[in-house]
PDB file of N, CA and C in Angstrom:
ATOM      1  N   MET A   1     -35.992 -19.902 -24.000  1.00  0.00           N
ATOM      2  CA  MET A   1     -35.122 -19.346 -22.992  1.00  0.00           C
ATOM      3  C   MET A   1     -33.677 -19.376 -23.465  1.00  0.00           C
ATOM      4  N   THR A   2     -33.330 -20.376 -24.264  1.00  0.00           N
ATOM      5  CA  THR A   2     -31.940 -20.437 -24.721  1.00  0.00           C
ATOM      6  C   THR A   2     -31.573 -19.211 -25.554  1.00  0.00           C
ATOM      7  N   ALA A   3     -32.478 -18.798 -26.433  1.00  0.00           N
ATOM      8  CA  ALA A   3     -32.199 -17.610 -27.244  1.00  0.00           C
ATOM      9  C   ALA A   3     -32.060 -16.380 -26.358  1.00  0.00           C
ATOM     10  N   HIS A   4     -32.932 -16.251 -25.379  1.00  0.00           N
ATOM     11  CA  HIS A   4     -32.876 -15.117 -24.457  1.00  0.00           C
ATOM     12  C   HIS A   4     -31.554 -15.101 -23.685  1.00  0.00           C
ATOM     13  N   LEU A   5     -31.091 -16.284 -23.267  1.00  0.00           N
ATOM     14  CA  LEU A   5     -29.836 -16.387 -22.523  1.00  0.00           C
ATOM     15  C   LEU A   5     -28.608 -16.376 -23.425  1.00  0.00           C
ATOM     16  N   GLY A   6     -28.818 -16.565 -24.725  1.00  0.00           N
ATOM     17  CA  GLY A   6     -27.705 -16.571 -25.670  1.00  0.00           C
ATOM     18  C   GLY A   6     -26.837 -17.817 -25.568  1.00  0.00           C
ATOM     19  N   ILE A   7     -27.464 -18.967 -25.283  1.00  0.00           N
ATOM     20  CA  ILE A   7     -26.721 -20.226 -25.161  1.00  0.00           C
ATOM     21  C   ILE A   7     -27.388 -21.313 -25.990  1.00  0.00           C
ATOM     22  N   SER A   8     -26.677 -22.394 -26.208  1.00  0.00           N
ATOM     23  CA  SER A   8     -27.223 -23.515 -26.979  1.00  0.00           C
ATOM     24  C   SER A   8     -28.172 -24.343 -26.110  1.00  0.00           C
ATOM     25  N   ASP A   9     -28.983 -25.162 -26.769  1.00  0.00           N
ATOM     26  CA  ASP A   9     -29.867 -26.079 -26.037  1.00  0.00           C
ATOM     27  C   ASP A   9     -29.055 -26.998 -25.132  1.00  0.00           C
ATOM     28  N   GLU A  10     -27.934 -27.484 -25.657  1.00  0.00           N
ATOM     29  CA  GLU A  10     -27.090 -28.392 -24.878  1.00  0.00           C
ATOM     30  C   GLU A  10     -26.549 -27.709 -23.622  1.00  0.00           C
ATOM     31  N   ALA A  11     -26.113 -26.462 -23.758  1.00  0.00           N
ATOM     32  CA  ALA A  11     -25.595 -25.724 -22.597  1.00  0.00           C
ATOM     33  C   ALA A  11     -26.701 -25.470 -21.578  1.00  0.00           C
ATOM     34  N   PHE A  12     -27.906 -25.172 -22.065  1.00  0.00           N
ATOM     35  CA  PHE A  12     -29.022 -24.950 -21.153  1.00  0.00           C
ATOM     36  C   PHE A  12     -29.322 -26.222 -20.354  1.00  0.00           C
ATOM     37  N   ILE A  13     -29.406 -27.336 -21.045  1.00  0.00           N
ATOM     38  CA  ILE A  13     -29.687 -28.609 -20.366  1.00  0.00           C
ATOM     39  C   ILE A  13     -28.589 -28.929 -19.358  1.00  0.00           C
ATOM     40  N   ARG A  14     -27.366 -28.769 -19.756  1.00  0.00           N
ATOM     41  CA  ARG A  14     -26.231 -29.078 -18.873  1.00  0.00           C
ATOM     42  C   ARG A  14     -26.177 -28.164 -17.656  1.00  0.00           C
ATOM     43  N   ASP A  15     -26.387 -26.871 -17.873  1.00  0.00           N
ATOM     44  CA  ASP A  15     -26.155 -25.887 -16.819  1.00  0.00           C
ATOM     45  C   ASP A  15     -27.382 -25.552 -15.965  1.00  0.00           C
ATOM     46  N   TYR A  16     -28.577 -25.802 -16.483  1.00  0.00           N
ATOM     47  CA  TYR A  16     -29.763 -25.329 -15.781  1.00  0.00           C
ATOM     48  C   TYR A  16     -30.810 -26.389 -15.461  1.00  0.00           C
ATOM     49  N   THR A  17     -30.581 -27.634 -15.855  1.00  0.00           N
ATOM     50  CA  THR A  17     -31.585 -28.656 -15.597  1.00  0.00           C
ATOM     51  C   THR A  17     -31.000 -29.852 -14.852  1.00  0.00           C
ATOM     52  N   ARG A  18     -31.913 -30.675 -14.356  1.00  0.00           N
ATOM     53  CA  ARG A  18     -31.572 -31.923 -13.681  1.00  0.00           C
ATOM     54  C   ARG A  18     -32.673 -32.908 -14.007  1.00  0.00           C
ATOM     55  N   LEU A  19     -32.452 -34.182 -13.703  1.00  0.00           N
ATOM     56  CA  LEU A  19     -33.523 -35.154 -13.844  1.00  0.00           C
ATOM     57  C   LEU A  19     -34.590 -34.875 -12.803  1.00  0.00           C
ATOM     58  N   ASN A  20     -35.849 -35.034 -13.191  1.00  0.00           N
ATOM     59  CA  ASN A  20     -36.906 -34.824 -12.198  1.00  0.00           C
ATOM     60  C   ASN A  20     -36.941 -35.993 -11.220  1.00  0.00           C
ATOM     61  N   GLY A  21     -37.799 -35.913 -10.238  1.00  0.00           N
ATOM     62  CA  GLY A  21     -37.844 -36.900  -9.168  1.00  0.00           C
ATOM     63  C   GLY A  21     -38.120 -38.320  -9.623  1.00  0.00           C
ATOM     64  N   THR A  22     -38.846 -38.473 -10.716  1.00  0.00           N
ATOM     65  CA  THR A  22     -39.147 -39.816 -11.214  1.00  0.00           C
ATOM     66  C   THR A  22     -38.180 -40.251 -12.308  1.00  0.00           C
ATOM     67  N   ARG A  23     -37.220 -39.407 -12.589  1.00  0.00           N
ATOM     68  CA  ARG A  23     -36.220 -39.675 -13.627  1.00  0.00           C
ATOM     69  C   ARG A  23     -36.852 -39.863 -15.011  1.00  0.00           C
ATOM     70  N   SER A  24     -38.023 -39.250 -15.199  1.00  0.00           N
ATOM     71  CA  SER A  24     -38.732 -39.392 -16.469  1.00  0.00           C
ATOM     72  C   SER A  24     -38.644 -38.142 -17.341  1.00  0.00           C
ATOM     73  N   GLY A  25     -37.962 -37.137 -16.862  1.00  0.00           N
ATOM     74  CA  GLY A  25     -37.841 -35.893 -17.617  1.00  0.00           C
ATOM     75  C   GLY A  25     -36.935 -34.924 -16.886  1.00  0.00           C
ATOM     76  N   LEU A  26     -36.894 -33.714 -17.374  1.00  0.00           N
ATOM     77  CA  LEU A  26     -36.023 -32.701 -16.797  1.00  0.00           C
ATOM     78  C   LEU A  26     -36.820 -31.687 -15.986  1.00  0.00           C
ATOM     79  N   ALA A  27     -36.167 -31.113 -15.007  1.00  0.00           N
ATOM     80  CA  ALA A  27     -36.708 -30.008 -14.216  1.00  0.00           C
ATOM     81  C   ALA A  27     -35.599 -28.983 -14.056  1.00  0.00           C
ATOM     82  N   LEU A  28     -35.981 -27.756 -13.788  1.00  0.00           N
ATOM     83  CA  LEU A  28     -34.966 -26.732 -13.549  1.00  0.00           C
ATOM     84  C   LEU A  28     -34.231 -27.028 -12.256  1.00  0.00           C
ATOM     85  N   GLN A  29     -32.943 -26.774 -12.261  1.00  0.00           N
ATOM     86  CA  GLN A  29     -32.152 -26.889 -11.040  1.00  0.00           C
ATOM     87  C   GLN A  29     -32.560 -25.788 -10.076  1.00  0.00           C
ATOM     88  N   ASP A  30     -32.313 -26.025  -8.817  1.00  0.00           N
ATOM     89  CA  ASP A  30     -32.470 -25.000  -7.788  1.00  0.00           C
ATOM     90  C   ASP A  30     -31.072 -24.592  -7.338  1.00  0.00           C
ATOM     91  N   LYS A  31     -30.976 -23.401  -6.796  1.00  0.00           N
ATOM     92  CA  LYS A  31     -29.734 -23.019  -6.126  1.00  0.00           C
ATOM     93  C   LYS A  31     -29.637 -23.834  -4.836  1.00  0.00           C
ATOM     94  N   PRO A  32     -28.457 -23.952  -4.247  1.00  0.00           N
ATOM     95  CA  PRO A  32     -28.317 -24.728  -3.005  1.00  0.00           C
ATOM     96  C   PRO A  32     -29.267 -24.295  -1.890  1.00  0.00           C
ATOM     97  N   ASN A  33     -29.669 -23.024  -1.870  1.00  0.00           N
ATOM     98  CA  ASN A  33     -30.577 -22.542  -0.820  1.00  0.00           C
ATOM     99  C   ASN A  33     -32.052 -22.698  -1.191  1.00  0.00           C
ATOM    100  N   GLY A  34     -32.335 -23.340  -2.330  1.00  0.00           N
ATOM    101  CA  GLY A  34     -33.711 -23.587  -2.750  1.00  0.00           C
ATOM    102  C   GLY A  34     -34.280 -22.558  -3.702  1.00  0.00           C
ATOM    103  N   GLU A  35     -33.572 -21.456  -3.912  1.00  0.00           N
ATOM    104  CA  GLU A  35     -34.053 -20.433  -4.836  1.00  0.00           C
ATOM    105  C   GLU A  35     -34.033 -20.937  -6.272  1.00  0.00           C
ATOM    106  N   CYS A  36     -34.802 -20.271  -7.103  1.00  0.00           N
ATOM    107  CA  CYS A  36     -34.795 -20.540  -8.537  1.00  0.00           C
ATOM    108  C   CYS A  36     -33.403 -20.240  -9.099  1.00  0.00           C
ATOM    109  N   ILE A  37     -32.969 -21.063 -10.010  1.00  0.00           N
ATOM    110  CA  ILE A  37     -31.642 -20.893 -10.609  1.00  0.00           C
ATOM    111  C   ILE A  37     -31.532 -19.580 -11.388  1.00  0.00           C
ATOM    112  N   PHE A  38     -32.665 -19.021 -11.794  1.00  0.00           N
ATOM    113  CA  PHE A  38     -32.644 -17.787 -12.575  1.00  0.00           C
ATOM    114  C   PHE A  38     -32.859 -16.530 -11.731  1.00  0.00           C
ATOM    115  N   LEU A  39     -32.990 -16.697 -10.434  1.00  0.00           N
ATOM    116  CA  LEU A  39     -33.125 -15.535  -9.569  1.00  0.00           C
ATOM    117  C   LEU A  39     -31.747 -14.910  -9.382  1.00  0.00           C
ATOM    118  N   ASP A  40     -31.639 -13.637  -9.742  1.00  0.00           N
ATOM    119  CA  ASP A  40     -30.383 -12.906  -9.649  1.00  0.00           C
ATOM    120  C   ASP A  40     -30.625 -11.703  -8.742  1.00  0.00           C
ATOM    121  N   GLY A  41     -30.314 -11.869  -7.463  1.00  0.00           N
ATOM    122  CA  GLY A  41     -30.679 -10.838  -6.489  1.00  0.00           C
ATOM    123  C   GLY A  41     -32.185 -10.835  -6.350  1.00  0.00           C
ATOM    124  N   ASN A  42     -32.815  -9.715  -6.664  1.00  0.00           N
ATOM    125  CA  ASN A  42     -34.279  -9.621  -6.643  1.00  0.00           C
ATOM    126  C   ASN A  42     -34.891  -9.722  -8.030  1.00  0.00           C
ATOM    127  N   ASP A  43     -34.083  -9.995  -9.030  1.00  0.00           N
ATOM    128  CA  ASP A  43     -34.560  -9.988 -10.407  1.00  0.00           C
ATOM    129  C   ASP A  43     -34.518 -11.370 -11.034  1.00  0.00           C
ATOM    130  N   CYS A  44     -35.453 -11.606 -11.939  1.00  0.00           N
ATOM    131  CA  CYS A  44     -35.510 -12.853 -12.700  1.00  0.00           C
ATOM    132  C   CYS A  44     -34.756 -12.647 -14.007  1.00  0.00           C
ATOM    133  N   ARG A  45     -33.761 -13.487 -14.248  1.00  0.00           N
ATOM    134  CA  ARG A  45     -32.947 -13.360 -15.467  1.00  0.00           C
ATOM    135  C   ARG A  45     -33.716 -13.719 -16.725  1.00  0.00           C
ATOM    136  N   VAL A  46     -34.828 -14.462 -16.601  1.00  0.00           N
ATOM    137  CA  VAL A  46     -35.581 -14.884 -17.786  1.00  0.00           C
ATOM    138  C   VAL A  46     -37.007 -14.329 -17.790  1.00  0.00           C
ATOM    139  N   ASN A  47     -37.235 -13.261 -17.050  1.00  0.00           N
ATOM    140  CA  ASN A  47     -38.591 -12.732 -16.906  1.00  0.00           C
ATOM    141  C   ASN A  47     -39.327 -12.533 -18.233  1.00  0.00           C
ATOM    142  N   PRO A  48     -38.714 -11.968 -19.277  1.00  0.00           N
ATOM    143  CA  PRO A  48     -39.468 -11.758 -20.523  1.00  0.00           C
ATOM    144  C   PRO A  48     -39.900 -13.055 -21.212  1.00  0.00           C
ATOM    145  N   VAL A  49     -39.261 -14.171 -20.906  1.00  0.00           N
ATOM    146  CA  VAL A  49     -39.568 -15.440 -21.585  1.00  0.00           C
ATOM    147  C   VAL A  49     -39.880 -16.561 -20.589  1.00  0.00           C
ATOM    148  N   LYS A  50     -40.278 -16.209 -19.394  1.00  0.00           N
ATOM    149  CA  LYS A  50     -40.447 -17.222 -18.354  1.00  0.00           C
ATOM    150  C   LYS A  50     -41.574 -18.196 -18.690  1.00  0.00           C
ATOM    151  N   PRO A  51     -41.380 -19.463 -18.315  1.00  0.00           N
ATOM    152  CA  PRO A  51     -42.392 -20.486 -18.597  1.00  0.00           C
ATOM    153  C   PRO A  51     -43.581 -20.399 -17.634  1.00  0.00           C
ATOM    154  N   GLN A  52     -44.607 -21.183 -17.900  1.00  0.00           N
ATOM    155  CA  GLN A  52     -45.820 -21.175 -17.082  1.00  0.00           C
ATOM    156  C   GLN A  52     -45.510 -21.414 -15.612  1.00  0.00           C
ATOM    157  N   GLN A  53     -44.632 -22.351 -15.306  1.00  0.00           N
ATOM    158  CA  GLN A  53     -44.290 -22.629 -13.909  1.00  0.00           C
ATOM    159  C   GLN A  53     -43.868 -21.345 -13.203  1.00  0.00           C
ATOM    160  N   CYS A  54     -43.080 -20.546 -13.875  1.00  0.00           N
ATOM    161  CA  CYS A  54     -42.610 -19.300 -13.276  1.00  0.00           C
ATOM    162  C   CYS A  54     -43.725 -18.269 -13.166  1.00  0.00           C
ATOM    163  N   ARG A  55     -44.621 -18.246 -14.142  1.00  0.00           N
ATOM    164  CA  ARG A  55     -45.748 -17.316 -14.055  1.00  0.00           C
ATOM    165  C   ARG A  55     -46.645 -17.659 -12.875  1.00  0.00           C
ATOM    166  N   ASN A  56     -46.622 -18.919 -12.447  1.00  0.00           N
ATOM    167  CA  ASN A  56     -47.435 -19.360 -11.313  1.00  0.00           C
ATOM    168  C   ASN A  56     -46.773 -19.078  -9.965  1.00  0.00           C
ATOM    169  N   PHE A  57     -45.537 -18.623  -9.971  1.00  0.00           N
ATOM    170  CA  PHE A  57     -44.817 -18.315  -8.735  1.00  0.00           C
ATOM    171  C   PHE A  57     -45.333 -16.993  -8.179  1.00  0.00           C
ATOM    172  N   PRO A  58     -45.548 -16.823  -6.929  1.00  0.00           N
ATOM    173  CA  PRO A  58     -45.330 -17.730  -5.812  1.00  0.00           C
ATOM    174  C   PRO A  58     -46.596 -18.429  -5.331  1.00  0.00           C
ATOM    175  N   ASN A  59     -47.712 -18.278  -6.078  1.00  0.00           N
ATOM    176  CA  ASN A  59     -48.982 -18.797  -5.586  1.00  0.00           C
ATOM    177  C   ASN A  59     -49.125 -20.308  -5.687  1.00  0.00           C
ATOM    178  N   LEU A  60     -48.597 -20.914  -6.722  1.00  0.00           N
ATOM    179  CA  LEU A  60     -48.761 -22.349  -6.888  1.00  0.00           C
ATOM    180  C   LEU A  60     -47.504 -23.122  -6.535  1.00  0.00           C
ATOM    181  N   TRP A  61     -46.395 -22.451  -6.435  1.00  0.00           N
ATOM    182  CA  TRP A  61     -45.154 -23.068  -5.941  1.00  0.00           C
ATOM    183  C   TRP A  61     -44.254 -21.935  -5.481  1.00  0.00           C
ATOM    184  N   ASN A  62     -43.367 -22.239  -4.558  1.00  0.00           N
ATOM    185  CA  ASN A  62     -42.389 -21.260  -4.099  1.00  0.00           C
ATOM    186  C   ASN A  62     -41.291 -22.004  -3.342  1.00  0.00           C
ATOM    187  N   PHE A  63     -40.369 -21.281  -2.797  1.00  0.00           N
ATOM    188  CA  PHE A  63     -39.287 -21.904  -2.041  1.00  0.00           C
ATOM    189  C   PHE A  63     -39.232 -21.247  -0.667  1.00  0.00           C
ATOM    190  N   PRO A  64     -38.650 -21.940   0.305  1.00  0.00           N
ATOM    191  CA  PRO A  64     -38.620 -21.391   1.666  1.00  0.00           C
ATOM    192  C   PRO A  64     -38.005 -19.992   1.714  1.00  0.00           C
ATOM    193  N   ARG A  65     -38.657 -19.100   2.405  1.00  0.00           N
ATOM    194  CA  ARG A  65     -38.208 -17.731   2.629  1.00  0.00           C
ATOM    195  C   ARG A  65     -38.088 -16.916   1.333  1.00  0.00           C
ATOM    196  N   PHE A  66     -38.869 -17.261   0.309  1.00  0.00           N
ATOM    197  CA  PHE A  66     -38.769 -16.530  -0.954  1.00  0.00           C
ATOM    198  C   PHE A  66     -39.025 -15.043  -0.753  1.00  0.00           C
ATOM    199  N   GLU A  67     -39.841 -14.702   0.229  1.00  0.00           N
ATOM    200  CA  GLU A  67     -40.172 -13.299   0.465  1.00  0.00           C
ATOM    201  C   GLU A  67     -38.945 -12.461   0.807  1.00  0.00           C
ATOM    202  N   GLU A  68     -37.907 -13.108   1.326  1.00  0.00           N
ATOM    203  CA  GLU A  68     -36.693 -12.388   1.716  1.00  0.00           C
ATOM    204  C   GLU A  68     -35.830 -11.991   0.524  1.00  0.00           C
ATOM    205  N   VAL A  69     -35.974 -12.692  -0.596  1.00  0.00           N
ATOM    206  CA  VAL A  69     -35.087 -12.434  -1.731  1.00  0.00           C
ATOM    207  C   VAL A  69     -35.816 -12.081  -3.022  1.00  0.00           C
ATOM    208  N   CYS A  70     -37.140 -12.087  -2.991  1.00  0.00           N
ATOM    209  CA  CYS A  70     -37.889 -11.890  -4.230  1.00  0.00           C
ATOM    210  C   CYS A  70     -39.009 -10.888  -4.014  1.00  0.00           C
ATOM    211  N   ARG A  71     -39.242 -10.061  -4.991  1.00  0.00           N
ATOM    212  CA  ARG A  71     -40.293  -9.046  -4.884  1.00  0.00           C
ATOM    213  C   ARG A  71     -41.692  -9.599  -5.143  1.00  0.00           C
ATOM    214  N   ALA A  72     -41.799 -10.852  -5.565  1.00  0.00           N
ATOM    215  CA  ALA A  72     -43.116 -11.442  -5.824  1.00  0.00           C
ATOM    216  C   ALA A  72     -43.951 -11.419  -4.556  1.00  0.00           C
ATOM    217  N   LYS A  73     -45.194 -11.090  -4.701  1.00  0.00           N
ATOM    218  CA  LYS A  73     -46.120 -11.041  -3.568  1.00  0.00           C
ATOM    219  C   LYS A  73     -47.131 -12.169  -3.721  1.00  0.00           C
ATOM    220  N   LYS A  74     -47.224 -12.986  -2.713  1.00  0.00           N
ATOM    221  CA  LYS A  74     -48.168 -14.087  -2.732  1.00  0.00           C
ATOM    222  C   LYS A  74     -49.583 -13.542  -2.613  1.00  0.00           C
ATOM    223  N   VAL A  75     -50.467 -14.037  -3.455  1.00  0.00           N
ATOM    224  CA  VAL A  75     -51.870 -13.654  -3.423  1.00  0.00           C
ATOM    225  C   VAL A  75     -52.625 -14.801  -2.762  1.00  0.00           C
ATOM    226  N   MET A  76     -53.333 -14.490  -1.698  1.00  0.00           N
ATOM    227  CA  MET A  76     -54.077 -15.535  -1.001  1.00  0.00           C
ATOM    228  C   MET A  76     -55.329 -15.875  -1.803  1.00  0.00           C
ATOM    229  N   LEU A  77     -55.470 -17.142  -2.121  1.00  0.00           N
ATOM    230  CA  LEU A  77     -56.620 -17.614  -2.890  1.00  0.00           C
ATOM    231  C   LEU A  77     -57.514 -18.466  -2.007  1.00  0.00           C
ATOM    232  N   GLU A  78     -58.800 -18.368  -2.219  1.00  0.00           N
ATOM    233  CA  GLU A  78     -59.740 -19.280  -1.565  1.00  0.00           C
ATOM    234  C   GLU A  78     -59.480 -20.679  -2.121  1.00  0.00           C
ATOM    235  N   ASP A  79     -59.883 -21.704  -1.388  1.00  0.00           N
ATOM    236  CA  ASP A  79     -59.608 -23.082  -1.809  1.00  0.00           C
ATOM    237  C   ASP A  79     -60.088 -23.371  -3.226  1.00  0.00           C
ATOM    238  N   ALA A  80     -61.291 -22.941  -3.569  1.00  0.00           N
ATOM    239  CA  ALA A  80     -61.830 -23.205  -4.910  1.00  0.00           C
ATOM    240  C   ALA A  80     -60.991 -22.509  -5.984  1.00  0.00           C
ATOM    241  N   GLU A  81     -60.569 -21.274  -5.722  1.00  0.00           N
ATOM    242  CA  GLU A  81     -59.728 -20.541  -6.673  1.00  0.00           C
ATOM    243  C   GLU A  81     -58.371 -21.234  -6.835  1.00  0.00           C
ATOM    244  N   TYR A  82     -57.806 -21.690  -5.712  1.00  0.00           N
ATOM    245  CA  TYR A  82     -56.526 -22.384  -5.731  1.00  0.00           C
ATOM    246  C   TYR A  82     -56.632 -23.674  -6.541  1.00  0.00           C
ATOM    247  N   GLU A  83     -57.678 -24.444  -6.302  1.00  0.00           N
ATOM    248  CA  GLU A  83     -57.854 -25.695  -7.030  1.00  0.00           C
ATOM    249  C   GLU A  83     -57.999 -25.440  -8.528  1.00  0.00           C
ATOM    250  N   LEU A  84     -58.740 -24.408  -8.910  1.00  0.00           N
ATOM    251  CA  LEU A  84     -58.888 -24.057 -10.317  1.00  0.00           C
ATOM    252  C   LEU A  84     -57.551 -23.617 -10.917  1.00  0.00           C
ATOM    253  N   ALA A  85     -56.779 -22.853 -10.168  1.00  0.00           N
ATOM    254  CA  ALA A  85     -55.464 -22.408 -10.648  1.00  0.00           C
ATOM    255  C   ALA A  85     -54.534 -23.594 -10.859  1.00  0.00           C
ATOM    256  N   ILE A  86     -54.542 -24.543  -9.934  1.00  0.00           N
ATOM    257  CA  ILE A  86     -53.727 -25.754 -10.089  1.00  0.00           C
ATOM    258  C   ILE A  86     -54.165 -26.524 -11.328  1.00  0.00           C
ATOM    259  N   LEU A  87     -55.466 -26.688 -11.501  1.00  0.00           N
ATOM    260  CA  LEU A  87     -55.982 -27.419 -12.657  1.00  0.00           C
ATOM    261  C   LEU A  87     -55.562 -26.749 -13.960  1.00  0.00           C
ATOM    262  N   LYS A  88     -55.674 -25.425 -14.028  1.00  0.00           N
ATOM    263  CA  LYS A  88     -55.263 -24.698 -15.236  1.00  0.00           C
ATOM    264  C   LYS A  88     -53.762 -24.822 -15.485  1.00  0.00           C
ATOM    265  N   ALA A  89     -52.975 -24.759 -14.432  1.00  0.00           N
ATOM    266  CA  ALA A  89     -51.522 -24.774 -14.583  1.00  0.00           C
ATOM    267  C   ALA A  89     -50.977 -26.159 -14.890  1.00  0.00           C
ATOM    268  N   THR A  90     -51.601 -27.189 -14.328  1.00  0.00           N
ATOM    269  CA  THR A  90     -51.006 -28.527 -14.431  1.00  0.00           C
ATOM    270  C   THR A  90     -51.893 -29.556 -15.105  1.00  0.00           C
ATOM    271  N   GLY A  91     -53.184 -29.286 -15.188  1.00  0.00           N
ATOM    272  CA  GLY A  91     -54.117 -30.273 -15.692  1.00  0.00           C
ATOM    273  C   GLY A  91     -54.488 -31.320 -14.639  1.00  0.00           C
ATOM    274  N   LEU A  92     -54.005 -31.131 -13.415  1.00  0.00           N
ATOM    275  CA  LEU A  92     -54.254 -32.083 -12.326  1.00  0.00           C
ATOM    276  C   LEU A  92     -55.243 -31.493 -11.336  1.00  0.00           C
ATOM    277  N   ALA A  93     -56.213 -32.300 -10.941  1.00  0.00           N
ATOM    278  CA  ALA A  93     -57.168 -31.867  -9.930  1.00  0.00           C
ATOM    279  C   ALA A  93     -56.584 -32.119  -8.548  1.00  0.00           C
ATOM    280  N   VAL A  94     -56.887 -31.237  -7.613  1.00  0.00           N
ATOM    281  CA  VAL A  94     -56.476 -31.418  -6.211  1.00  0.00           C
ATOM    282  C   VAL A  94     -57.720 -31.320  -5.356  1.00  0.00           C
ATOM    283  N   ASN A  95     -57.678 -31.942  -4.200  1.00  0.00           N
ATOM    284  CA  ASN A  95     -58.826 -31.902  -3.301  1.00  0.00           C
ATOM    285  C   ASN A  95     -58.708 -30.779  -2.290  1.00  0.00           C
ATOM    286  N   ALA A  96     -57.513 -30.558  -1.788  1.00  0.00           N
ATOM    287  CA  ALA A  96     -57.314 -29.496  -0.795  1.00  0.00           C
ATOM    288  C   ALA A  96     -55.845 -29.203  -0.684  1.00  0.00           C
ATOM    289  N   ARG A  97     -55.543 -28.023  -0.209  1.00  0.00           N
ATOM    290  CA  ARG A  97     -54.147 -27.644   0.036  1.00  0.00           C
ATOM    291  C   ARG A  97     -53.639 -28.320   1.274  1.00  0.00           C
ATOM    292  N   SER A  98     -52.346 -28.570   1.276  1.00  0.00           N
ATOM    293  CA  SER A  98     -51.739 -29.087   2.509  1.00  0.00           C
ATOM    294  C   SER A  98     -51.032 -27.970   3.217  1.00  0.00           C
TER     295      SER A  98
END
């Protein structure tokens, strides 16, 4: 993503990441309203090089009211399909959606 954005690794870490909840690694920052930091209007600034987490949007993760600002369409999955998608994306098994 740094090459796509034309910035150094250090600038990417400084400007686009934060410590994750367990302070054991980095996660992408969110905008103050919960949107993805790379959402620019209705467009993704890193779409050609987006990571797996982004490819899983909006079915495996999303932010409140994403439908209002993003063209992504949520695909409704049956529980078994959802669990398989989570397992493929994260390597973690889930029992049911909340």
